[in-house]
Amino acid sequence: MIAIKDIVRKGLDERLPVLRKASASAIRPTRGWLRAVREAIGARQEAIAQKMGVQRQSYARIENTEAQGSISLTSLQKAADAMDCEVVYYLVPRESVAKNYTELAQKNDPKLKHLRASEHSMALEDQAVGDLK
């Protein structure tokens, strides 16, 4: 029987090449995406704040928290909506750790770690099965 997590992981693995390519181009601007996009479209903080239904100072705080890396997804989404933009959000495995989500899952599976330790012990006794990667 195939587990739901295996189906999800397979779907993530299939998307990974596109996500890796996109993430190489998606480095956050120094002062944040919100400010970069707002300035690129020629909007003032007051205009975006008004669309969001907040004061200009509140919107300025939102830009600052995004630039500092501490913005909530909810605030980011509301600000993006006010600029007719979408938030694109995803996680990819660090290439130095795993080549895909399946490998990442294997590296983080405590049962597999235990099996590998057992396999190693059995190998020392020349009793290893030898089918663990």
C-alpha atoms as a PDB file:
ATOM      1  CA  MET A   1       0.000   0.000   0.000  1.00  0.00           C
ATOM      2  CA  ILE A   2       1.373   3.415  -0.959  1.00  0.00           C
ATOM      3  CA  ALA A   3       1.255   5.987   1.834  1.00  0.00           C
ATOM      4  CA  ILE A   4      -0.103   9.492   1.236  1.00  0.00           C
ATOM      5  CA  LYS A   5       3.252  10.950   2.304  1.00  0.00           C
ATOM      6  CA  ASP A   6       4.959   8.969  -0.482  1.00  0.00           C
ATOM      7  CA  ILE A   7       2.550  10.390  -3.078  1.00  0.00           C
ATOM      8  CA  VAL A   8       3.097  13.920  -1.756  1.00  0.00           C
ATOM      9  CA  ARG A   9       6.858  13.451  -1.699  1.00  0.00           C
ATOM     10  CA  LYS A  10       6.832  12.165  -5.295  1.00  0.00           C
ATOM     11  CA  GLY A  11       4.864  15.242  -6.374  1.00  0.00           C
ATOM     12  CA  LEU A  12       7.328  17.526  -4.605  1.00  0.00           C
ATOM     13  CA  ASP A  13      10.282  15.729  -6.181  1.00  0.00           C
ATOM     14  CA  GLU A  14       8.724  16.228  -9.640  1.00  0.00           C
ATOM     15  CA  ARG A  15       8.421  19.991  -9.045  1.00  0.00           C
ATOM     16  CA  LEU A  16      11.871  20.406  -7.532  1.00  0.00           C
ATOM     17  CA  PRO A  17      13.859  21.223 -10.704  1.00  0.00           C
ATOM     18  CA  VAL A  18      11.588  24.173 -11.493  1.00  0.00           C
ATOM     19  CA  LEU A  19      11.614  25.347  -7.877  1.00  0.00           C
ATOM     20  CA  ARG A  20      15.423  25.217  -7.689  1.00  0.00           C
ATOM     21  CA  LYS A  21      15.704  27.200 -10.920  1.00  0.00           C
ATOM     22  CA  ALA A  22      13.227  29.820  -9.656  1.00  0.00           C
ATOM     23  CA  SER A  23      14.895  30.134  -6.254  1.00  0.00           C
ATOM     24  CA  ALA A  24      18.228  30.999  -7.881  1.00  0.00           C
ATOM     25  CA  SER A  25      16.546  34.114  -9.330  1.00  0.00           C
ATOM     26  CA  ALA A  26      14.448  34.976  -6.283  1.00  0.00           C
ATOM     27  CA  ILE A  27      17.031  36.431  -3.934  1.00  0.00           C
ATOM     28  CA  ARG A  28      15.302  39.000  -1.753  1.00  0.00           C
ATOM     29  CA  PRO A  29      16.299  42.604  -2.476  1.00  0.00           C
ATOM     30  CA  THR A  30      18.309  44.228   0.323  1.00  0.00           C
ATOM     31  CA  ARG A  31      15.408  46.414   1.449  1.00  0.00           C
ATOM     32  CA  GLY A  32      12.779  43.746   0.766  1.00  0.00           C
ATOM     33  CA  TRP A  33      10.382  42.772  -1.984  1.00  0.00           C
ATOM     34  CA  LEU A  34       7.592  45.048  -0.794  1.00  0.00           C
ATOM     35  CA  ARG A  35       9.667  48.189  -1.082  1.00  0.00           C
ATOM     36  CA  ALA A  36      11.289  47.093  -4.357  1.00  0.00           C
ATOM     37  CA  VAL A  37       7.935  46.356  -5.994  1.00  0.00           C
ATOM     38  CA  ARG A  38       6.259  49.453  -4.551  1.00  0.00           C
ATOM     39  CA  GLU A  39       9.032  51.669  -5.900  1.00  0.00           C
ATOM     40  CA  ALA A  40       9.079  49.812  -9.242  1.00  0.00           C
ATOM     41  CA  ILE A  41       5.365  50.448  -9.780  1.00  0.00           C
ATOM     42  CA  GLY A  42       5.687  54.054  -8.655  1.00  0.00           C
ATOM     43  CA  ALA A  43       3.413  53.753  -5.626  1.00  0.00           C
ATOM     44  CA  ARG A  44       3.789  55.696  -2.404  1.00  0.00           C
ATOM     45  CA  GLN A  45       3.483  54.096   1.019  1.00  0.00           C
ATOM     46  CA  GLU A  46       0.335  56.132   1.636  1.00  0.00           C
ATOM     47  CA  ALA A  47      -1.410  54.603  -1.396  1.00  0.00           C
ATOM     48  CA  ILE A  48      -0.581  51.038  -0.405  1.00  0.00           C
ATOM     49  CA  ALA A  49      -1.529  51.705   3.210  1.00  0.00           C
ATOM     50  CA  GLN A  50      -4.881  53.107   2.100  1.00  0.00           C
ATOM     51  CA  LYS A  51      -5.605  50.010  -0.013  1.00  0.00           C
ATOM     52  CA  MET A  52      -4.760  47.872   3.024  1.00  0.00           C
ATOM     53  CA  GLY A  53      -6.903  49.986   5.335  1.00  0.00           C
ATOM     54  CA  VAL A  54      -3.985  50.926   7.609  1.00  0.00           C
ATOM     55  CA  GLN A  55      -2.012  54.065   8.440  1.00  0.00           C
ATOM     56  CA  ARG A  56       1.130  54.879   6.445  1.00  0.00           C
ATOM     57  CA  GLN A  57       3.261  54.261   9.555  1.00  0.00           C
ATOM     58  CA  SER A  58       1.786  50.771   9.899  1.00  0.00           C
ATOM     59  CA  TYR A  59       2.604  50.016   6.289  1.00  0.00           C
ATOM     60  CA  ALA A  60       6.148  51.377   6.758  1.00  0.00           C
ATOM     61  CA  ARG A  61       6.537  48.915   9.677  1.00  0.00           C
ATOM     62  CA  ILE A  62       5.394  46.093   7.403  1.00  0.00           C
ATOM     63  CA  GLU A  63       8.076  46.997   4.865  1.00  0.00           C
ATOM     64  CA  ASN A  64      10.681  47.164   7.634  1.00  0.00           C
ATOM     65  CA  THR A  65       9.724  43.787   9.129  1.00  0.00           C
ATOM     66  CA  GLU A  66       9.912  42.202   5.682  1.00  0.00           C
ATOM     67  CA  ALA A  67      13.367  43.715   5.074  1.00  0.00           C
ATOM     68  CA  GLN A  68      14.485  42.323   8.464  1.00  0.00           C
ATOM     69  CA  GLY A  69      13.096  38.885   7.635  1.00  0.00           C
ATOM     70  CA  SER A  70      10.515  38.863  10.405  1.00  0.00           C
ATOM     71  CA  ILE A  71       7.271  39.568   8.536  1.00  0.00           C
ATOM     72  CA  SER A  72       4.294  37.261   8.976  1.00  0.00           C
ATOM     73  CA  LEU A  73       2.921  35.547   5.897  1.00  0.00           C
ATOM     74  CA  THR A  74      -0.440  37.161   6.575  1.00  0.00           C
ATOM     75  CA  SER A  75       1.032  40.680   6.498  1.00  0.00           C
ATOM     76  CA  LEU A  76       3.077  39.879   3.415  1.00  0.00           C
ATOM     77  CA  GLN A  77      -0.012  38.545   1.636  1.00  0.00           C
ATOM     78  CA  LYS A  78      -2.097  41.619   2.527  1.00  0.00           C
ATOM     79  CA  ALA A  79       0.613  43.983   1.296  1.00  0.00           C
ATOM     80  CA  ALA A  80       1.080  41.956  -1.888  1.00  0.00           C
ATOM     81  CA  ASP A  81      -2.676  42.018  -2.499  1.00  0.00           C
ATOM     82  CA  ALA A  82      -2.664  45.801  -2.133  1.00  0.00           C
ATOM     83  CA  MET A  83      -0.075  45.964  -4.932  1.00  0.00           C
ATOM     84  CA  ASP A  84      -1.948  43.430  -7.106  1.00  0.00           C
ATOM     85  CA  CYS A  85       0.820  40.870  -6.582  1.00  0.00           C
ATOM     86  CA  GLU A  86       0.917  37.269  -5.402  1.00  0.00           C
ATOM     87  CA  VAL A  87       3.146  35.745  -2.751  1.00  0.00           C
ATOM     88  CA  VAL A  88       5.031  32.688  -3.973  1.00  0.00           C
ATOM     89  CA  TYR A  89       6.181  30.556  -1.068  1.00  0.00           C
ATOM     90  CA  TYR A  90       7.976  27.230  -1.029  1.00  0.00           C
ATOM     91  CA  LEU A  91      10.773  25.261   0.618  1.00  0.00           C
ATOM     92  CA  VAL A  92      13.492  23.292  -1.149  1.00  0.00           C
ATOM     93  CA  PRO A  93      16.008  20.912   0.403  1.00  0.00           C
ATOM     94  CA  ARG A  94      19.492  22.352   0.816  1.00  0.00           C
ATOM     95  CA  GLU A  95      21.544  20.904  -2.011  1.00  0.00           C
ATOM     96  CA  SER A  96      24.389  20.252   0.426  1.00  0.00           C
ATOM     97  CA  VAL A  97      22.061  17.975   2.422  1.00  0.00           C
ATOM     98  CA  ALA A  98      19.803  16.220  -0.097  1.00  0.00           C
ATOM     99  CA  LYS A  99      19.218  16.169  -3.838  1.00  0.00           C
ATOM    100  CA  ASN A 100      15.432  15.909  -3.405  1.00  0.00           C
ATOM    101  CA  TYR A 101      12.633  15.579  -0.824  1.00  0.00           C
ATOM    102  CA  THR A 102      12.813  11.786  -0.821  1.00  0.00           C
ATOM    103  CA  GLU A 103      16.486  11.834   0.092  1.00  0.00           C
ATOM    104  CA  LEU A 104      15.768  14.489   2.723  1.00  0.00           C
ATOM    105  CA  ALA A 105      13.051  12.275   4.197  1.00  0.00           C
ATOM    106  CA  GLN A 106      15.438   9.344   4.301  1.00  0.00           C
ATOM    107  CA  LYS A 107      18.107  11.423   6.044  1.00  0.00           C
ATOM    108  CA  ASN A 108      15.581  12.536   8.658  1.00  0.00           C
ATOM    109  CA  ASP A 109      13.852   9.177   9.209  1.00  0.00           C
ATOM    110  CA  PRO A 110      14.756   7.988  12.753  1.00  0.00           C
ATOM    111  CA  LYS A 111      13.753   4.412  11.863  1.00  0.00           C
ATOM    112  CA  LEU A 112      16.150   4.402   8.932  1.00  0.00           C
ATOM    113  CA  LYS A 113      18.937   5.780  11.118  1.00  0.00           C
ATOM    114  CA  HIS A 114      18.335   2.908  13.530  1.00  0.00           C
ATOM    115  CA  LEU A 115      18.339   0.400  10.670  1.00  0.00           C
ATOM    116  CA  ARG A 116      21.604   1.826   9.334  1.00  0.00           C
ATOM    117  CA  ALA A 117      23.178   1.538  12.794  1.00  0.00           C
ATOM    118  CA  SER A 118      21.997  -2.080  13.012  1.00  0.00           C
ATOM    119  CA  GLU A 119      23.280  -2.767   9.496  1.00  0.00           C
ATOM    120  CA  HIS A 120      26.664  -1.334  10.481  1.00  0.00           C
ATOM    121  CA  SER A 121      26.824  -3.494  13.612  1.00  0.00           C
ATOM    122  CA  MET A 122      25.876  -6.569  11.620  1.00  0.00           C
ATOM    123  CA  ALA A 123      28.486  -5.712   8.976  1.00  0.00           C
ATOM    124  CA  LEU A 124      31.126  -5.669  11.688  1.00  0.00           C
ATOM    125  CA  GLU A 125      30.039  -9.218  12.497  1.00  0.00           C
ATOM    126  CA  ASP A 126      29.931 -10.115   8.768  1.00  0.00           C
ATOM    127  CA  GLN A 127      26.151 -10.614   8.983  1.00  0.00           C
ATOM    128  CA  ALA A 128      24.951  -7.533   7.075  1.00  0.00           C
ATOM    129  CA  VAL A 129      22.091  -7.811   4.612  1.00  0.00           C
ATOM    130  CA  GLY A 130      23.650  -5.017   2.557  1.00  0.00           C
ATOM    131  CA  ASP A 131      20.518  -3.523   1.002  1.00  0.00           C
ATOM    132  CA  LEU A 132      20.468  -0.172   2.828  1.00  0.00           C
ATOM    133  CA  LYS A 133      21.754   2.863   0.991  1.00  0.00           C
END
